[in-house]
Amino acid sequence: MDAFVSDESINAYWETQRQYGHMKRSNIETFLHAIAVVQGFFNPVENNMADVPQEYRKKISKMDIPSVDFFERVA
C-alpha cells in the first residue's frame, strides 16, 4: 500500500502516537484496528489490540490470491 509509505511526512503521520485513555497507539494501529472491526473479523469485546496482527493473519490465510488483492485495495 503505497499510501502508507510514499514519503517521510506520510510515514511520520502513520507512526504518530496518540493517547487513547491510558494507551498510546500509532495512527496505523488505530486504522488497522478499525478496519478489522468494521470488516467483522476482530471483536474488541473478545480480543485486545495485541491480537490484531494474528486476526489479520487468520483472515488472510483463508483467502485466495484474488481475494487478498481485493481486500488490500478496499481495506
PDB file of N, CA and C in Angstrom:
ATOM      1  N   MET A   1       0.835  -1.175   0.000  1.00  0.00           N
ATOM      2  CA  MET A   1       0.000   0.000   0.000  1.00  0.00           C
ATOM      3  C   MET A   1       0.882   1.241   0.000  1.00  0.00           C
ATOM      4  N   ASP A   2       1.050   1.825  -1.150  1.00  0.00           N
ATOM      5  CA  ASP A   2       1.900   3.000  -1.284  1.00  0.00           C
ATOM      6  C   ASP A   2       1.398   4.188  -0.471  1.00  0.00           C
ATOM      7  N   ALA A   3       0.117   4.223  -0.152  1.00  0.00           N
ATOM      8  CA  ALA A   3      -0.434   5.347   0.612  1.00  0.00           C
ATOM      9  C   ALA A   3       0.233   5.487   1.971  1.00  0.00           C
ATOM     10  N   PHE A   4       0.805   4.402   2.493  1.00  0.00           N
ATOM     11  CA  PHE A   4       1.397   4.449   3.821  1.00  0.00           C
ATOM     12  C   PHE A   4       2.887   4.742   3.821  1.00  0.00           C
ATOM     13  N   VAL A   5       3.545   4.632   2.676  1.00  0.00           N
ATOM     14  CA  VAL A   5       4.999   4.757   2.671  1.00  0.00           C
ATOM     15  C   VAL A   5       5.546   5.629   1.546  1.00  0.00           C
ATOM     16  N   SER A   6       4.768   6.498   0.988  1.00  0.00           N
ATOM     17  CA  SER A   6       5.224   7.223  -0.192  1.00  0.00           C
ATOM     18  C   SER A   6       6.258   8.305   0.106  1.00  0.00           C
ATOM     19  N   ASP A   7       6.236   8.900   1.276  1.00  0.00           N
ATOM     20  CA  ASP A   7       7.290   9.854   1.631  1.00  0.00           C
ATOM     21  C   ASP A   7       7.389   9.986   3.151  1.00  0.00           C
ATOM     22  N   GLU A   8       8.396  10.709   3.599  1.00  0.00           N
ATOM     23  CA  GLU A   8       8.671  10.813   5.034  1.00  0.00           C
ATOM     24  C   GLU A   8       7.540  11.465   5.826  1.00  0.00           C
ATOM     25  N   SER A   9       6.882  12.469   5.255  1.00  0.00           N
ATOM     26  CA  SER A   9       5.801  13.126   6.001  1.00  0.00           C
ATOM     27  C   SER A   9       4.613  12.182   6.194  1.00  0.00           C
ATOM     28  N   ILE A  10       4.345  11.353   5.200  1.00  0.00           N
ATOM     29  CA  ILE A  10       3.264  10.372   5.334  1.00  0.00           C
ATOM     30  C   ILE A  10       3.667   9.299   6.345  1.00  0.00           C
ATOM     31  N   ASN A  11       4.910   8.839   6.272  1.00  0.00           N
ATOM     32  CA  ASN A  11       5.389   7.881   7.270  1.00  0.00           C
ATOM     33  C   ASN A  11       5.259   8.452   8.675  1.00  0.00           C
ATOM     34  N   ALA A  12       5.650   9.698   8.836  1.00  0.00           N
ATOM     35  CA  ALA A  12       5.576  10.341  10.148  1.00  0.00           C
ATOM     36  C   ALA A  12       4.137  10.395  10.648  1.00  0.00           C
ATOM     37  N   TYR A  13       3.191  10.694   9.752  1.00  0.00           N
ATOM     38  CA  TYR A  13       1.788  10.727  10.155  1.00  0.00           C
ATOM     39  C   TYR A  13       1.340   9.373  10.674  1.00  0.00           C
ATOM     40  N   TRP A  14       1.591   8.304   9.912  1.00  0.00           N
ATOM     41  CA  TRP A  14       1.119   6.973  10.307  1.00  0.00           C
ATOM     42  C   TRP A  14       1.800   6.470  11.562  1.00  0.00           C
ATOM     43  N   GLU A  15       3.035   6.912  11.815  1.00  0.00           N
ATOM     44  CA  GLU A  15       3.756   6.487  13.004  1.00  0.00           C
ATOM     45  C   GLU A  15       3.458   7.349  14.226  1.00  0.00           C
ATOM     46  N   THR A  16       2.759   8.471  14.049  1.00  0.00           N
ATOM     47  CA  THR A  16       2.443   9.356  15.158  1.00  0.00           C
ATOM     48  C   THR A  16       1.647   8.613  16.221  1.00  0.00           C
ATOM     49  N   GLN A  17       2.102   8.748  17.456  1.00  0.00           N
ATOM     50  CA  GLN A  17       1.427   8.113  18.587  1.00  0.00           C
ATOM     51  C   GLN A  17       0.355   9.058  19.140  1.00  0.00           C
ATOM     52  N   ARG A  18      -0.789   8.484  19.465  1.00  0.00           N
ATOM     53  CA  ARG A  18      -1.880   9.241  20.072  1.00  0.00           C
ATOM     54  C   ARG A  18      -2.293   8.540  21.355  1.00  0.00           C
ATOM     55  N   GLN A  19      -2.726   9.325  22.297  1.00  0.00           N
ATOM     56  CA  GLN A  19      -3.165   8.789  23.582  1.00  0.00           C
ATOM     57  C   GLN A  19      -4.647   8.434  23.514  1.00  0.00           C
ATOM     58  N   TYR A  20      -4.990   7.207  23.891  1.00  0.00           N
ATOM     59  CA  TYR A  20      -6.377   6.739  23.970  1.00  0.00           C
ATOM     60  C   TYR A  20      -6.561   6.182  25.372  1.00  0.00           C
ATOM     61  N   GLY A  21      -7.103   7.001  26.254  1.00  0.00           N
ATOM     62  CA  GLY A  21      -7.194   6.577  27.645  1.00  0.00           C
ATOM     63  C   GLY A  21      -5.796   6.423  28.204  1.00  0.00           C
ATOM     64  N   HIS A  22      -5.480   5.252  28.717  1.00  0.00           N
ATOM     65  CA  HIS A  22      -4.149   5.014  29.269  1.00  0.00           C
ATOM     66  C   HIS A  22      -3.193   4.398  28.253  1.00  0.00           C
ATOM     67  N   MET A  23      -3.665   4.190  27.013  1.00  0.00           N
ATOM     68  CA  MET A  23      -2.838   3.555  25.979  1.00  0.00           C
ATOM     69  C   MET A  23      -2.392   4.563  24.923  1.00  0.00           C
ATOM     70  N   LYS A  24      -1.216   4.300  24.375  1.00  0.00           N
ATOM     71  CA  LYS A  24      -0.750   5.051  23.212  1.00  0.00           C
ATOM     72  C   LYS A  24      -0.771   4.108  22.029  1.00  0.00           C
ATOM     73  N   ARG A  25      -1.293   4.601  20.912  1.00  0.00           N
ATOM     74  CA  ARG A  25      -1.340   3.815  19.674  1.00  0.00           C
ATOM     75  C   ARG A  25      -0.926   4.700  18.518  1.00  0.00           C
ATOM     76  N   SER A  26      -0.290   4.082  17.534  1.00  0.00           N
ATOM     77  CA  SER A  26       0.047   4.836  16.333  1.00  0.00           C
ATOM     78  C   SER A  26      -1.210   4.967  15.473  1.00  0.00           C
ATOM     79  N   ASN A  27      -1.186   5.925  14.576  1.00  0.00           N
ATOM     80  CA  ASN A  27      -2.326   6.098  13.671  1.00  0.00           C
ATOM     81  C   ASN A  27      -2.575   4.842  12.843  1.00  0.00           C
ATOM     82  N   ILE A  28      -1.520   4.162  12.411  1.00  0.00           N
ATOM     83  CA  ILE A  28      -1.700   2.967  11.593  1.00  0.00           C
ATOM     84  C   ILE A  28      -2.329   1.841  12.409  1.00  0.00           C
ATOM     85  N   GLU A  29      -1.943   1.703  13.678  1.00  0.00           N
ATOM     86  CA  GLU A  29      -2.570   0.691  14.538  1.00  0.00           C
ATOM     87  C   GLU A  29      -4.064   0.965  14.692  1.00  0.00           C
ATOM     88  N   THR A  30      -4.402   2.213  14.923  1.00  0.00           N
ATOM     89  CA  THR A  30      -5.800   2.587  15.092  1.00  0.00           C
ATOM     90  C   THR A  30      -6.585   2.327  13.816  1.00  0.00           C
ATOM     91  N   PHE A  31      -6.004   2.679  12.684  1.00  0.00           N
ATOM     92  CA  PHE A  31      -6.652   2.476  11.389  1.00  0.00           C
ATOM     93  C   PHE A  31      -6.894   0.989  11.108  1.00  0.00           C
ATOM     94  N   LEU A  32      -5.853   0.165  11.292  1.00  0.00           N
ATOM     95  CA  LEU A  32      -5.989  -1.266  11.032  1.00  0.00           C
ATOM     96  C   LEU A  32      -6.964  -1.927  12.002  1.00  0.00           C
ATOM     97  N   HIS A  33      -6.982  -1.470  13.233  1.00  0.00           N
ATOM     98  CA  HIS A  33      -7.949  -1.970  14.209  1.00  0.00           C
ATOM     99  C   HIS A  33      -9.373  -1.650  13.757  1.00  0.00           C
ATOM    100  N   ALA A  34      -9.601  -0.411  13.332  1.00  0.00           N
ATOM    101  CA  ALA A  34     -10.936  -0.006  12.876  1.00  0.00           C
ATOM    102  C   ALA A  34     -11.394  -0.822  11.672  1.00  0.00           C
ATOM    103  N   ILE A  35     -10.507  -1.054  10.721  1.00  0.00           N
ATOM    104  CA  ILE A  35     -10.868  -1.865   9.546  1.00  0.00           C
ATOM    105  C   ILE A  35     -11.247  -3.274   9.983  1.00  0.00           C
ATOM    106  N   ALA A  36     -10.465  -3.855  10.881  1.00  0.00           N
ATOM    107  CA  ALA A  36     -10.744  -5.221  11.344  1.00  0.00           C
ATOM    108  C   ALA A  36     -12.105  -5.299  12.038  1.00  0.00           C
ATOM    109  N   VAL A  37     -12.449  -4.289  12.807  1.00  0.00           N
ATOM    110  CA  VAL A  37     -13.756  -4.272  13.485  1.00  0.00           C
ATOM    111  C   VAL A  37     -14.875  -4.126  12.464  1.00  0.00           C
ATOM    112  N   VAL A  38     -14.735  -3.189  11.543  1.00  0.00           N
ATOM    113  CA  VAL A  38     -15.770  -2.950  10.534  1.00  0.00           C
ATOM    114  C   VAL A  38     -15.943  -4.172   9.633  1.00  0.00           C
ATOM    115  N   GLN A  39     -14.841  -4.809   9.252  1.00  0.00           N
ATOM    116  CA  GLN A  39     -14.901  -5.999   8.401  1.00  0.00           C
ATOM    117  C   GLN A  39     -15.446  -7.210   9.158  1.00  0.00           C
ATOM    118  N   GLY A  40     -15.483  -7.134  10.478  1.00  0.00           N
ATOM    119  CA  GLY A  40     -16.089  -8.185  11.284  1.00  0.00           C
ATOM    120  C   GLY A  40     -15.197  -9.351  11.653  1.00  0.00           C
ATOM    121  N   PHE A  41     -13.874  -9.228  11.484  1.00  0.00           N
ATOM    122  CA  PHE A  41     -13.016 -10.336  11.873  1.00  0.00           C
ATOM    123  C   PHE A  41     -12.231 -10.063  13.148  1.00  0.00           C
ATOM    124  N   PHE A  42     -12.548  -8.965  13.805  1.00  0.00           N
ATOM    125  CA  PHE A  42     -11.956  -8.646  15.101  1.00  0.00           C
ATOM    126  C   PHE A  42     -13.064  -8.173  16.023  1.00  0.00           C
ATOM    127  N   ASN A  43     -13.200  -8.838  17.150  1.00  0.00           N
ATOM    128  CA  ASN A  43     -14.216  -8.475  18.131  1.00  0.00           C
ATOM    129  C   ASN A  43     -13.519  -7.823  19.329  1.00  0.00           C
ATOM    130  N   PRO A  44     -13.679  -6.509  19.523  1.00  0.00           N
ATOM    131  CA  PRO A  44     -12.975  -5.836  20.607  1.00  0.00           C
ATOM    132  C   PRO A  44     -13.429  -6.287  21.996  1.00  0.00           C
ATOM    133  N   VAL A  45     -14.568  -6.941  22.092  1.00  0.00           N
ATOM    134  CA  VAL A  45     -15.026  -7.459  23.389  1.00  0.00           C
ATOM    135  C   VAL A  45     -14.228  -8.710  23.759  1.00  0.00           C
ATOM    136  N   GLU A  46     -13.909  -9.524  22.754  1.00  0.00           N
ATOM    137  CA  GLU A  46     -13.209 -10.786  22.995  1.00  0.00           C
ATOM    138  C   GLU A  46     -11.694 -10.687  22.821  1.00  0.00           C
ATOM    139  N   ASN A  47     -11.226  -9.688  22.083  1.00  0.00           N
ATOM    140  CA  ASN A  47      -9.808  -9.562  21.760  1.00  0.00           C
ATOM    141  C   ASN A  47      -9.262  -8.240  22.260  1.00  0.00           C
ATOM    142  N   ASN A  48      -7.926  -8.128  22.275  1.00  0.00           N
ATOM    143  CA  ASN A  48      -7.304  -6.842  22.577  1.00  0.00           C
ATOM    144  C   ASN A  48      -6.395  -6.439  21.418  1.00  0.00           C
ATOM    145  N   MET A  49      -5.830  -5.265  21.507  1.00  0.00           N
ATOM    146  CA  MET A  49      -5.033  -4.738  20.391  1.00  0.00           C
ATOM    147  C   MET A  49      -3.868  -5.651  20.011  1.00  0.00           C
ATOM    148  N   ALA A  50      -3.320  -6.354  20.962  1.00  0.00           N
ATOM    149  CA  ALA A  50      -2.206  -7.252  20.655  1.00  0.00           C
ATOM    150  C   ALA A  50      -2.636  -8.396  19.736  1.00  0.00           C
ATOM    151  N   ASP A  51      -3.928  -8.677  19.667  1.00  0.00           N
ATOM    152  CA  ASP A  51      -4.449  -9.755  18.824  1.00  0.00           C
ATOM    153  C   ASP A  51      -4.681  -9.337  17.372  1.00  0.00           C
ATOM    154  N   VAL A  52      -4.619  -8.052  17.070  1.00  0.00           N
ATOM    155  CA  VAL A  52      -4.933  -7.575  15.715  1.00  0.00           C
ATOM    156  C   VAL A  52      -4.064  -8.247  14.642  1.00  0.00           C
ATOM    157  N   PRO A  53      -2.730  -8.290  14.790  1.00  0.00           N
ATOM    158  CA  PRO A  53      -1.933  -8.944  13.731  1.00  0.00           C
ATOM    159  C   PRO A  53      -2.316 -10.408  13.514  1.00  0.00           C
ATOM    160  N   GLN A  54      -2.551 -11.128  14.594  1.00  0.00           N
ATOM    161  CA  GLN A  54      -2.936 -12.538  14.482  1.00  0.00           C
ATOM    162  C   GLN A  54      -4.280 -12.684  13.771  1.00  0.00           C
ATOM    163  N   GLU A  55      -5.225 -11.804  14.049  1.00  0.00           N
ATOM    164  CA  GLU A  55      -6.535 -11.861  13.395  1.00  0.00           C
ATOM    165  C   GLU A  55      -6.410 -11.567  11.904  1.00  0.00           C
ATOM    166  N   TYR A  56      -5.535 -10.626  11.535  1.00  0.00           N
ATOM    167  CA  TYR A  56      -5.283 -10.369  10.108  1.00  0.00           C
ATOM    168  C   TYR A  56      -4.678 -11.603   9.448  1.00  0.00           C
ATOM    169  N   ARG A  57      -3.702 -12.232  10.109  1.00  0.00           N
ATOM    170  CA  ARG A  57      -3.093 -13.438   9.541  1.00  0.00           C
ATOM    171  C   ARG A  57      -4.133 -14.533   9.327  1.00  0.00           C
ATOM    172  N   LYS A  58      -5.005 -14.736  10.311  1.00  0.00           N
ATOM    173  CA  LYS A  58      -6.047 -15.762  10.170  1.00  0.00           C
ATOM    174  C   LYS A  58      -6.975 -15.433   9.008  1.00  0.00           C
ATOM    175  N   LYS A  59      -7.389 -14.178   8.902  1.00  0.00           N
ATOM    176  CA  LYS A  59      -8.291 -13.754   7.826  1.00  0.00           C
ATOM    177  C   LYS A  59      -7.642 -13.987   6.463  1.00  0.00           C
ATOM    178  N   ILE A  60      -6.422 -13.525   6.309  1.00  0.00           N
ATOM    179  CA  ILE A  60      -5.736 -13.606   5.022  1.00  0.00           C
ATOM    180  C   ILE A  60      -5.375 -15.049   4.664  1.00  0.00           C
ATOM    181  N   SER A  61      -5.051 -15.863   5.659  1.00  0.00           N
ATOM    182  CA  SER A  61      -4.662 -17.253   5.369  1.00  0.00           C
ATOM    183  C   SER A  61      -5.807 -18.060   4.764  1.00  0.00           C
ATOM    184  N   LYS A  62      -7.031 -17.623   4.949  1.00  0.00           N
ATOM    185  CA  LYS A  62      -8.198 -18.327   4.417  1.00  0.00           C
ATOM    186  C   LYS A  62      -8.617 -17.818   3.037  1.00  0.00           C
ATOM    187  N   MET A  63      -7.875 -16.848   2.498  1.00  0.00           N
ATOM    188  CA  MET A  63      -8.260 -16.215   1.242  1.00  0.00           C
ATOM    189  C   MET A  63      -7.410 -16.716   0.082  1.00  0.00           C
ATOM    190  N   ASP A  64      -7.994 -16.704  -1.116  1.00  0.00           N
ATOM    191  CA  ASP A  64      -7.197 -16.982  -2.299  1.00  0.00           C
ATOM    192  C   ASP A  64      -6.542 -15.679  -2.762  1.00  0.00           C
ATOM    193  N   ILE A  65      -5.639 -15.767  -3.725  1.00  0.00           N
ATOM    194  CA  ILE A  65      -4.859 -14.602  -4.175  1.00  0.00           C
ATOM    195  C   ILE A  65      -5.751 -13.450  -4.659  1.00  0.00           C
ATOM    196  N   PRO A  66      -6.754 -13.681  -5.519  1.00  0.00           N
ATOM    197  CA  PRO A  66      -7.600 -12.553  -5.941  1.00  0.00           C
ATOM    198  C   PRO A  66      -8.334 -11.901  -4.772  1.00  0.00           C
ATOM    199  N   SER A  67      -8.747 -12.695  -3.801  1.00  0.00           N
ATOM    200  CA  SER A  67      -9.438 -12.136  -2.635  1.00  0.00           C
ATOM    201  C   SER A  67      -8.506 -11.283  -1.792  1.00  0.00           C
ATOM    202  N   VAL A  68      -7.260 -11.725  -1.634  1.00  0.00           N
ATOM    203  CA  VAL A  68      -6.289 -10.940  -0.870  1.00  0.00           C
ATOM    204  C   VAL A  68      -6.024  -9.624  -1.605  1.00  0.00           C
ATOM    205  N   ASP A  69      -5.874  -9.669  -2.906  1.00  0.00           N
ATOM    206  CA  ASP A  69      -5.657  -8.453  -3.693  1.00  0.00           C
ATOM    207  C   ASP A  69      -6.826  -7.488  -3.519  1.00  0.00           C
ATOM    208  N   PHE A  70      -8.037  -7.999  -3.595  1.00  0.00           N
ATOM    209  CA  PHE A  70      -9.219  -7.155  -3.424  1.00  0.00           C
ATOM    210  C   PHE A  70      -9.262  -6.594  -1.999  1.00  0.00           C
ATOM    211  N   PHE A  71      -9.003  -7.420  -1.009  1.00  0.00           N
ATOM    212  CA  PHE A  71      -9.012  -6.991   0.400  1.00  0.00           C
ATOM    213  C   PHE A  71      -8.020  -5.862   0.610  1.00  0.00           C
ATOM    214  N   GLU A  72      -6.835  -5.985   0.026  1.00  0.00           N
ATOM    215  CA  GLU A  72      -5.817  -4.960   0.157  1.00  0.00           C
ATOM    216  C   GLU A  72      -6.283  -3.633  -0.447  1.00  0.00           C
ATOM    217  N   ARG A  73      -6.985  -3.694  -1.572  1.00  0.00           N
ATOM    218  CA  ARG A  73      -7.428  -2.468  -2.239  1.00  0.00           C
ATOM    219  C   ARG A  73      -8.592  -1.798  -1.517  1.00  0.00           C
ATOM    220  N   VAL A  74      -9.485  -2.543  -0.898  1.00  0.00           N
ATOM    221  CA  VAL A  74     -10.672  -1.933  -0.291  1.00  0.00           C
ATOM    222  C   VAL A  74     -10.499  -1.684   1.203  1.00  0.00           C
ATOM    223  N   ALA A  75      -9.520  -2.301   1.819  1.00  0.00           N
ATOM    224  CA  ALA A  75      -9.339  -2.153   3.269  1.00  0.00           C
ATOM    225  C   ALA A  75      -8.776  -0.796   3.625  1.00  0.00           C
TER     226      ALA A  75
END
